[in-house]
């Protein structure tokens, strides 16, 4: 679902200069830019004019939230210097912590990761250490987009409707 930002520009129809931006009065109207210049600049920045009245323009543009990711690593467990055929799955968290889970079989761990939406993004094979293969598999999956919160503008409009 798209999230939108809104911007209201007020201007003096006589002079054509901007007088208000989102309800805030321009500090010095004598040096305010022409409304047409502001309209063109906003258009170049991706704002769409959605409403035009005698002295007010309303613009909107989509809020783009960058995709965030989570990561995990699957590596063979060599605890105690014994190769047991068990694997450790480490989930990395943004706060620097991690969670570890033990899996008995590589194939089962890979299948579970795929089913849960994880994609393999790399394999590290630093060679052998003490006769053990130290291969590690790295995975990533996109985090769900944060829920859209209502803006102050929509809350204000809702309050106005409730007061009527």
N, C-alpha and C. Protein backbone atom coordinates (compact mmCIF):
# COMPACT_ATOMS: atom_id res chain seq x y z
N UNK A 1 0.84 -1.17 0.00
CA UNK A 1 0.00 0.00 0.00
C UNK A 1 0.89 1.25 0.00
N UNK A 2 0.60 2.17 -0.88
CA UNK A 2 1.40 3.38 -1.00
C UNK A 2 1.13 4.33 0.16
N UNK A 3 2.19 5.00 0.59
CA UNK A 3 2.08 6.04 1.61
C UNK A 3 2.40 7.36 0.93
N UNK A 4 1.68 8.41 1.31
CA UNK A 4 1.82 9.69 0.64
C UNK A 4 2.19 10.79 1.61
N UNK A 5 2.97 11.74 1.14
CA UNK A 5 3.26 12.98 1.86
C UNK A 5 2.53 14.09 1.12
N UNK A 6 1.96 15.02 1.86
CA UNK A 6 1.22 16.13 1.27
C UNK A 6 1.89 17.45 1.63
N UNK A 7 1.79 18.41 0.72
CA UNK A 7 2.39 19.73 0.92
C UNK A 7 1.43 20.77 0.36
N UNK A 8 1.09 21.74 1.20
CA UNK A 8 0.17 22.81 0.79
C UNK A 8 0.95 24.11 0.63
N UNK A 9 0.78 24.75 -0.51
CA UNK A 9 1.44 26.02 -0.80
C UNK A 9 0.36 27.09 -0.96
N UNK A 10 0.46 28.14 -0.14
CA UNK A 10 -0.45 29.28 -0.27
C UNK A 10 0.28 30.43 -0.93
N UNK A 11 -0.45 31.19 -1.76
CA UNK A 11 0.20 32.31 -2.45
C UNK A 11 -0.79 33.46 -2.62
N UNK A 12 -0.24 34.63 -2.83
CA UNK A 12 -1.05 35.83 -3.05
C UNK A 12 -1.36 35.90 -4.54
N UNK A 13 -2.66 35.81 -4.92
CA UNK A 13 -2.99 35.84 -6.36
C UNK A 13 -2.58 37.15 -7.04
N UNK A 14 -2.50 38.23 -6.27
CA UNK A 14 -2.12 39.52 -6.85
C UNK A 14 -0.65 39.59 -7.24
N UNK A 15 0.22 39.19 -6.32
CA UNK A 15 1.67 39.26 -6.59
C UNK A 15 2.21 37.96 -7.17
N UNK A 16 1.51 36.86 -6.90
CA UNK A 16 1.99 35.55 -7.37
C UNK A 16 3.08 34.97 -6.49
N UNK A 17 3.36 35.61 -5.34
CA UNK A 17 4.41 35.12 -4.44
C UNK A 17 3.84 34.19 -3.38
N UNK A 18 4.67 33.28 -2.92
CA UNK A 18 4.28 32.32 -1.88
C UNK A 18 4.07 33.07 -0.57
N UNK A 19 2.98 32.73 0.13
CA UNK A 19 2.69 33.34 1.44
C UNK A 19 2.72 32.32 2.57
N UNK A 20 2.40 31.06 2.26
CA UNK A 20 2.35 30.01 3.29
C UNK A 20 2.89 28.70 2.72
N UNK A 21 3.55 27.93 3.57
CA UNK A 21 3.99 26.57 3.23
C UNK A 21 3.53 25.67 4.36
N UNK A 22 2.63 24.76 4.03
CA UNK A 22 2.03 23.85 5.02
C UNK A 22 1.49 24.59 6.24
N UNK A 23 0.78 25.68 5.98
CA UNK A 23 0.14 26.42 7.06
C UNK A 23 1.05 27.39 7.79
N UNK A 24 2.33 27.39 7.49
CA UNK A 24 3.27 28.31 8.14
C UNK A 24 3.50 29.52 7.24
N UNK A 25 3.36 30.69 7.83
CA UNK A 25 3.51 31.92 7.07
C UNK A 25 4.97 32.14 6.68
N UNK A 26 5.17 32.63 5.47
CA UNK A 26 6.51 32.98 5.00
C UNK A 26 7.00 34.17 5.82
N UNK A 27 8.24 34.10 6.30
CA UNK A 27 8.78 35.12 7.21
C UNK A 27 8.81 36.50 6.57
N UNK A 28 9.32 36.61 5.37
CA UNK A 28 9.39 37.91 4.70
C UNK A 28 8.76 37.79 3.31
N UNK A 29 7.45 38.10 3.19
CA UNK A 29 6.75 37.92 1.92
C UNK A 29 7.35 38.73 0.76
N UNK A 30 8.08 39.81 1.07
CA UNK A 30 8.66 40.64 0.01
C UNK A 30 9.75 39.91 -0.78
N UNK A 31 10.42 38.96 -0.12
CA UNK A 31 11.48 38.21 -0.81
C UNK A 31 11.07 36.75 -1.08
N UNK A 32 9.78 36.47 -0.89
CA UNK A 32 9.29 35.10 -1.14
C UNK A 32 9.39 34.77 -2.63
N UNK A 33 9.67 33.53 -2.96
CA UNK A 33 9.78 33.16 -4.38
C UNK A 33 8.41 33.17 -5.06
N UNK A 34 8.41 33.35 -6.36
CA UNK A 34 7.14 33.26 -7.10
C UNK A 34 6.56 31.84 -6.98
N UNK A 35 5.24 31.76 -6.87
CA UNK A 35 4.57 30.47 -6.71
C UNK A 35 4.85 29.54 -7.90
N UNK A 36 4.91 30.09 -9.09
CA UNK A 36 5.18 29.25 -10.28
C UNK A 36 6.56 28.61 -10.20
N UNK A 37 7.53 29.35 -9.70
CA UNK A 37 8.88 28.80 -9.54
C UNK A 37 8.86 27.65 -8.55
N UNK A 38 8.13 27.83 -7.44
CA UNK A 38 8.03 26.77 -6.43
C UNK A 38 7.31 25.56 -7.01
N UNK A 39 6.24 25.80 -7.78
CA UNK A 39 5.49 24.70 -8.40
C UNK A 39 6.40 23.89 -9.32
N UNK A 40 7.20 24.56 -10.14
CA UNK A 40 8.11 23.85 -11.05
C UNK A 40 9.17 23.07 -10.29
N UNK A 41 9.71 23.68 -9.24
CA UNK A 41 10.72 23.00 -8.44
C UNK A 41 10.13 21.75 -7.79
N UNK A 42 8.94 21.87 -7.23
CA UNK A 42 8.30 20.71 -6.60
C UNK A 42 8.03 19.61 -7.63
N UNK A 43 7.61 19.99 -8.83
CA UNK A 43 7.39 19.01 -9.89
C UNK A 43 8.67 18.26 -10.23
N UNK A 44 9.79 18.99 -10.28
CA UNK A 44 11.09 18.35 -10.56
C UNK A 44 11.52 17.42 -9.43
N UNK A 45 11.02 17.66 -8.21
CA UNK A 45 11.36 16.82 -7.06
C UNK A 45 10.39 15.66 -6.88
N UNK A 46 9.45 15.48 -7.82
CA UNK A 46 8.55 14.34 -7.76
C UNK A 46 7.20 14.62 -7.11
N UNK A 47 6.92 15.87 -6.77
CA UNK A 47 5.63 16.23 -6.20
C UNK A 47 4.61 16.38 -7.32
N UNK A 48 3.39 15.90 -7.09
CA UNK A 48 2.31 15.98 -8.07
C UNK A 48 1.27 16.98 -7.57
N UNK A 49 0.87 17.91 -8.42
CA UNK A 49 -0.17 18.87 -8.07
C UNK A 49 -1.51 18.15 -8.13
N UNK A 50 -2.21 18.05 -6.99
CA UNK A 50 -3.47 17.31 -6.95
C UNK A 50 -4.68 18.20 -6.75
N UNK A 51 -4.46 19.45 -6.35
CA UNK A 51 -5.59 20.37 -6.16
C UNK A 51 -5.08 21.79 -6.33
N UNK A 52 -5.84 22.59 -7.10
CA UNK A 52 -5.47 23.98 -7.32
C UNK A 52 -6.69 24.86 -7.09
N UNK A 53 -6.56 25.81 -6.19
CA UNK A 53 -7.61 26.78 -5.91
C UNK A 53 -7.06 28.17 -6.20
N UNK A 54 -7.84 29.19 -5.94
CA UNK A 54 -7.44 30.56 -6.26
C UNK A 54 -6.11 30.94 -5.64
N UNK A 55 -5.89 30.54 -4.38
CA UNK A 55 -4.65 30.96 -3.70
C UNK A 55 -3.94 29.81 -2.99
N UNK A 56 -4.29 28.58 -3.32
CA UNK A 56 -3.69 27.42 -2.65
C UNK A 56 -3.49 26.27 -3.63
N UNK A 57 -2.33 25.65 -3.54
CA UNK A 57 -2.06 24.44 -4.30
C UNK A 57 -1.75 23.32 -3.31
N UNK A 58 -2.24 22.13 -3.61
CA UNK A 58 -1.95 20.96 -2.78
C UNK A 58 -1.18 19.95 -3.63
N UNK A 59 -0.04 19.52 -3.12
CA UNK A 59 0.83 18.57 -3.81
C UNK A 59 0.91 17.27 -3.01
N UNK A 60 1.22 16.17 -3.70
CA UNK A 60 1.49 14.92 -2.99
C UNK A 60 2.61 14.18 -3.71
N UNK A 61 3.29 13.32 -2.94
CA UNK A 61 4.26 12.40 -3.54
C UNK A 61 4.35 11.18 -2.64
N UNK A 62 4.71 10.08 -3.27
CA UNK A 62 4.81 8.81 -2.54
C UNK A 62 6.03 8.82 -1.63
N UNK A 63 5.83 8.31 -0.42
CA UNK A 63 6.94 8.15 0.51
C UNK A 63 7.59 6.80 0.20
N UNK A 64 8.85 6.83 -0.14
CA UNK A 64 9.56 5.60 -0.47
C UNK A 64 10.42 5.21 0.73
N UNK A 65 10.14 4.03 1.26
CA UNK A 65 10.89 3.52 2.41
C UNK A 65 11.90 2.50 1.88
N UNK A 66 13.20 2.69 2.14
CA UNK A 66 14.19 1.74 1.64
C UNK A 66 13.98 0.35 2.22
N UNK A 67 14.20 -0.65 1.39
CA UNK A 67 14.06 -2.04 1.84
C UNK A 67 15.11 -2.36 2.89
N UNK A 68 14.67 -2.99 3.96
CA UNK A 68 15.60 -3.44 5.00
C UNK A 68 15.67 -4.96 4.95
N UNK A 69 16.81 -5.50 5.41
CA UNK A 69 17.08 -6.93 5.30
C UNK A 69 17.48 -7.51 6.64
N UNK A 70 17.29 -8.82 6.76
CA UNK A 70 17.84 -9.56 7.90
C UNK A 70 18.72 -10.67 7.34
N UNK A 71 19.69 -11.11 8.15
CA UNK A 71 20.72 -12.03 7.66
C UNK A 71 20.91 -13.19 8.62
N UNK A 72 21.35 -14.33 8.05
CA UNK A 72 21.72 -15.47 8.89
C UNK A 72 22.86 -16.23 8.22
N UNK A 73 23.48 -17.10 9.00
CA UNK A 73 24.62 -17.88 8.54
C UNK A 73 24.46 -19.31 9.02
N UNK A 74 24.76 -20.26 8.17
CA UNK A 74 24.70 -21.68 8.51
C UNK A 74 26.11 -22.24 8.40
N UNK A 75 26.64 -22.74 9.52
CA UNK A 75 28.01 -23.26 9.54
C UNK A 75 28.05 -24.57 10.32
N UNK A 76 28.97 -25.43 9.93
CA UNK A 76 29.08 -26.72 10.62
C UNK A 76 29.61 -26.52 12.04
N UNK A 77 29.02 -27.28 12.97
CA UNK A 77 29.40 -27.21 14.38
C UNK A 77 30.61 -28.10 14.62
N UNK A 78 31.71 -27.49 15.05
CA UNK A 78 32.93 -28.24 15.35
C UNK A 78 33.25 -28.13 16.84
N UNK A 79 32.22 -27.98 17.66
CA UNK A 79 32.44 -27.81 19.11
C UNK A 79 33.26 -28.97 19.65
N UNK A 80 34.24 -28.65 20.44
CA UNK A 80 35.09 -29.68 21.05
C UNK A 80 36.02 -30.35 20.06
N UNK A 81 36.16 -29.78 18.85
CA UNK A 81 37.07 -30.36 17.86
C UNK A 81 36.53 -31.64 17.25
N UNK A 82 35.22 -31.87 17.38
CA UNK A 82 34.62 -33.09 16.84
C UNK A 82 33.69 -32.72 15.70
N UNK A 83 33.85 -33.42 14.60
CA UNK A 83 32.95 -33.20 13.46
C UNK A 83 31.77 -34.14 13.63
N UNK A 84 30.60 -33.54 13.97
CA UNK A 84 29.42 -34.35 14.28
C UNK A 84 28.38 -34.32 13.17
N UNK A 85 28.61 -33.54 12.13
CA UNK A 85 27.61 -33.45 11.06
C UNK A 85 26.41 -32.59 11.45
N UNK A 86 26.57 -31.80 12.50
CA UNK A 86 25.51 -30.90 12.92
C UNK A 86 25.88 -29.48 12.51
N UNK A 87 24.86 -28.68 12.30
CA UNK A 87 25.06 -27.33 11.79
C UNK A 87 24.47 -26.31 12.76
N UNK A 88 25.10 -25.16 12.82
CA UNK A 88 24.63 -24.06 13.67
C UNK A 88 24.07 -22.98 12.74
N UNK A 89 22.85 -22.57 13.02
CA UNK A 89 22.21 -21.49 12.27
C UNK A 89 22.20 -20.25 13.16
N UNK A 90 22.85 -19.20 12.69
CA UNK A 90 22.98 -17.96 13.47
C UNK A 90 22.17 -16.86 12.78
N UNK A 91 21.20 -16.30 13.50
CA UNK A 91 20.41 -15.17 13.01
C UNK A 91 21.01 -13.89 13.58
N UNK A 92 21.39 -12.98 12.71
CA UNK A 92 21.99 -11.72 13.15
C UNK A 92 20.89 -10.68 13.32
N UNK A 93 20.97 -9.90 14.40
CA UNK A 93 19.98 -8.87 14.67
C UNK A 93 20.61 -7.49 14.59
N UNK A 94 19.80 -6.49 14.30
CA UNK A 94 20.30 -5.13 14.10
C UNK A 94 20.97 -4.55 15.34
N UNK A 95 20.60 -5.03 16.52
CA UNK A 95 21.19 -4.49 17.75
C UNK A 95 22.53 -5.13 18.09
N UNK A 96 23.04 -6.00 17.21
CA UNK A 96 24.34 -6.62 17.43
C UNK A 96 24.25 -8.00 18.06
N UNK A 97 23.08 -8.36 18.55
CA UNK A 97 22.90 -9.69 19.14
C UNK A 97 22.63 -10.71 18.05
N UNK A 98 22.66 -11.97 18.44
CA UNK A 98 22.34 -13.02 17.49
C UNK A 98 21.69 -14.19 18.24
N UNK A 99 20.96 -14.98 17.49
CA UNK A 99 20.32 -16.18 18.02
C UNK A 99 20.91 -17.38 17.30
N UNK A 100 21.15 -18.44 18.04
CA UNK A 100 21.71 -19.65 17.43
C UNK A 100 20.74 -20.81 17.59
N UNK A 101 20.64 -21.62 16.53
CA UNK A 101 19.83 -22.83 16.56
C UNK A 101 20.66 -23.97 15.97
N UNK A 102 20.53 -25.13 16.54
CA UNK A 102 21.28 -26.29 16.06
C UNK A 102 20.40 -27.14 15.15
N UNK A 103 20.98 -27.59 14.04
CA UNK A 103 20.28 -28.48 13.11
C UNK A 103 21.13 -29.72 12.89
N UNK A 104 20.49 -30.85 12.78
CA UNK A 104 21.21 -32.11 12.60
C UNK A 104 21.63 -32.34 11.16
N UNK A 105 20.84 -31.88 10.21
CA UNK A 105 21.16 -32.18 8.82
C UNK A 105 21.18 -30.91 7.97
N UNK A 106 22.17 -30.82 7.13
CA UNK A 106 22.33 -29.66 6.27
C UNK A 106 21.14 -29.50 5.33
N UNK A 107 20.74 -30.57 4.66
CA UNK A 107 19.64 -30.51 3.69
C UNK A 107 18.35 -30.00 4.32
N UNK A 108 18.06 -30.47 5.53
CA UNK A 108 16.84 -30.04 6.20
C UNK A 108 16.91 -28.56 6.57
N UNK A 109 18.06 -28.12 7.03
CA UNK A 109 18.23 -26.71 7.38
C UNK A 109 18.07 -25.82 6.14
N UNK A 110 18.66 -26.22 5.02
CA UNK A 110 18.53 -25.45 3.78
C UNK A 110 17.08 -25.38 3.32
N UNK A 111 16.37 -26.50 3.40
CA UNK A 111 14.97 -26.54 2.98
C UNK A 111 14.11 -25.63 3.86
N UNK A 112 14.36 -25.65 5.16
CA UNK A 112 13.59 -24.80 6.07
C UNK A 112 13.85 -23.32 5.81
N UNK A 113 15.10 -22.98 5.54
CA UNK A 113 15.42 -21.58 5.24
C UNK A 113 14.72 -21.13 3.95
N UNK A 114 14.75 -21.96 2.93
CA UNK A 114 14.08 -21.62 1.68
C UNK A 114 12.58 -21.45 1.86
N UNK A 115 11.98 -22.33 2.62
CA UNK A 115 10.54 -22.25 2.88
C UNK A 115 10.18 -20.98 3.65
N UNK A 116 11.09 -20.51 4.48
CA UNK A 116 10.85 -19.31 5.29
C UNK A 116 11.22 -18.02 4.54
N UNK A 117 11.56 -18.13 3.25
CA UNK A 117 11.82 -16.94 2.44
C UNK A 117 13.26 -16.47 2.41
N UNK A 118 14.19 -17.25 2.97
CA UNK A 118 15.60 -16.86 2.95
C UNK A 118 16.21 -17.22 1.60
N UNK A 119 17.08 -16.35 1.09
CA UNK A 119 17.79 -16.60 -0.16
C UNK A 119 19.28 -16.67 0.13
N UNK A 120 19.95 -17.67 -0.45
CA UNK A 120 21.39 -17.79 -0.26
C UNK A 120 22.07 -16.66 -1.02
N UNK A 121 22.94 -15.93 -0.32
CA UNK A 121 23.62 -14.80 -0.94
C UNK A 121 25.13 -15.01 -1.03
N UNK A 122 25.61 -16.08 -0.40
CA UNK A 122 27.05 -16.31 -0.47
C UNK A 122 27.48 -17.56 0.25
N UNK A 123 28.64 -18.07 -0.17
CA UNK A 123 29.25 -19.23 0.46
C UNK A 123 30.70 -18.85 0.73
N UNK A 124 31.12 -19.04 1.96
CA UNK A 124 32.52 -18.76 2.32
C UNK A 124 33.20 -20.09 2.59
N UNK A 125 34.30 -20.31 1.93
CA UNK A 125 35.06 -21.54 2.13
C UNK A 125 36.50 -21.15 2.44
N UNK A 126 36.78 -20.83 3.72
CA UNK A 126 38.13 -20.40 4.06
C UNK A 126 39.15 -21.53 4.12
N UNK A 127 38.76 -22.72 3.72
CA UNK A 127 39.71 -23.84 3.74
C UNK A 127 39.47 -24.72 4.95
N UNK A 128 40.49 -25.47 5.29
CA UNK A 128 40.35 -26.40 6.42
C UNK A 128 41.15 -25.91 7.60
N UNK A 129 40.64 -26.24 8.76
CA UNK A 129 41.32 -25.89 10.01
C UNK A 129 41.32 -27.16 10.85
N UNK A 130 42.46 -27.73 11.05
CA UNK A 130 42.53 -28.97 11.82
C UNK A 130 41.86 -30.13 11.11
N UNK A 131 41.83 -30.08 9.78
CA UNK A 131 41.23 -31.18 9.02
C UNK A 131 39.74 -31.02 8.80
N UNK A 132 39.13 -29.93 9.27
CA UNK A 132 37.69 -29.74 9.10
C UNK A 132 37.42 -28.72 8.01
N UNK A 133 36.38 -28.97 7.25
CA UNK A 133 35.91 -28.03 6.23
C UNK A 133 35.16 -26.92 6.96
N UNK A 134 35.52 -25.67 6.72
CA UNK A 134 34.91 -24.53 7.42
C UNK A 134 33.93 -23.77 6.55
N UNK A 135 33.24 -24.43 5.66
CA UNK A 135 32.29 -23.76 4.78
C UNK A 135 31.15 -23.17 5.59
N UNK A 136 30.77 -21.96 5.23
CA UNK A 136 29.62 -21.29 5.84
C UNK A 136 28.72 -20.77 4.72
N UNK A 137 27.42 -20.89 4.91
CA UNK A 137 26.43 -20.43 3.95
C UNK A 137 25.75 -19.18 4.52
N UNK A 138 25.63 -18.15 3.71
CA UNK A 138 25.03 -16.89 4.15
C UNK A 138 23.71 -16.66 3.43
N UNK A 139 22.71 -16.18 4.18
CA UNK A 139 21.36 -15.98 3.66
C UNK A 139 20.84 -14.60 4.04
N UNK A 140 19.89 -14.11 3.23
CA UNK A 140 19.23 -12.83 3.52
C UNK A 140 17.77 -12.95 3.13
N UNK A 141 16.93 -12.15 3.78
CA UNK A 141 15.54 -12.03 3.36
C UNK A 141 15.06 -10.62 3.72
N UNK A 142 14.14 -10.10 2.92
CA UNK A 142 13.65 -8.75 3.19
C UNK A 142 12.78 -8.72 4.43
N UNK A 143 12.94 -7.68 5.23
CA UNK A 143 12.06 -7.47 6.37
C UNK A 143 10.75 -6.89 5.85
N UNK A 144 9.64 -7.18 6.51
CA UNK A 144 8.37 -6.58 6.07
C UNK A 144 8.43 -5.06 6.21
N UNK A 145 7.74 -4.38 5.31
CA UNK A 145 7.70 -2.92 5.37
C UNK A 145 6.99 -2.49 6.64
N UNK A 146 7.46 -1.41 7.27
CA UNK A 146 6.78 -0.94 8.48
C UNK A 146 5.36 -0.50 8.15
N UNK A 147 4.46 -0.65 9.12
CA UNK A 147 3.08 -0.25 8.92
C UNK A 147 3.01 1.26 8.75
N UNK A 148 2.14 1.69 7.86
CA UNK A 148 1.98 3.13 7.62
C UNK A 148 1.24 3.74 8.80
N UNK A 149 1.83 4.77 9.36
CA UNK A 149 1.14 5.48 10.43
C UNK A 149 0.44 6.69 9.83
N UNK A 150 -0.64 7.09 10.44
CA UNK A 150 -1.36 8.24 9.92
C UNK A 150 -0.55 9.50 10.20
N UNK A 151 -0.61 10.42 9.28
CA UNK A 151 0.16 11.65 9.43
C UNK A 151 -0.58 12.63 10.33
N UNK A 152 0.12 13.65 10.77
CA UNK A 152 -0.51 14.71 11.56
C UNK A 152 -1.61 15.38 10.75
N UNK A 153 -1.39 15.51 9.44
CA UNK A 153 -2.36 16.16 8.57
C UNK A 153 -3.67 15.38 8.57
N UNK A 154 -3.61 14.04 8.38
CA UNK A 154 -4.84 13.24 8.35
C UNK A 154 -5.49 13.20 9.72
N UNK A 155 -4.70 13.19 10.79
CA UNK A 155 -5.28 13.25 12.14
C UNK A 155 -6.02 14.56 12.33
N UNK A 156 -5.44 15.67 11.84
CA UNK A 156 -6.06 16.98 11.98
C UNK A 156 -7.38 17.00 11.21
N UNK A 157 -7.39 16.47 9.99
CA UNK A 157 -8.62 16.44 9.19
C UNK A 157 -9.68 15.58 9.86
N UNK A 158 -9.26 14.45 10.46
CA UNK A 158 -10.21 13.58 11.16
C UNK A 158 -10.80 14.30 12.36
N UNK A 159 -9.98 15.06 13.10
CA UNK A 159 -10.47 15.82 14.25
C UNK A 159 -11.48 16.85 13.81
N UNK A 160 -11.23 17.51 12.66
CA UNK A 160 -12.18 18.50 12.15
C UNK A 160 -13.52 17.86 11.84
N UNK A 161 -13.51 16.65 11.23
CA UNK A 161 -14.75 15.96 10.89
C UNK A 161 -15.52 15.58 12.15
N UNK A 162 -14.80 15.15 13.20
CA UNK A 162 -15.45 14.74 14.43
C UNK A 162 -16.08 15.92 15.14
N UNK A 163 -15.52 17.13 14.97
CA UNK A 163 -16.06 18.31 15.64
C UNK A 163 -17.31 18.83 14.96
N UNK A 164 -17.52 18.48 13.70
CA UNK A 164 -18.70 18.96 12.96
C UNK A 164 -19.97 18.27 13.37
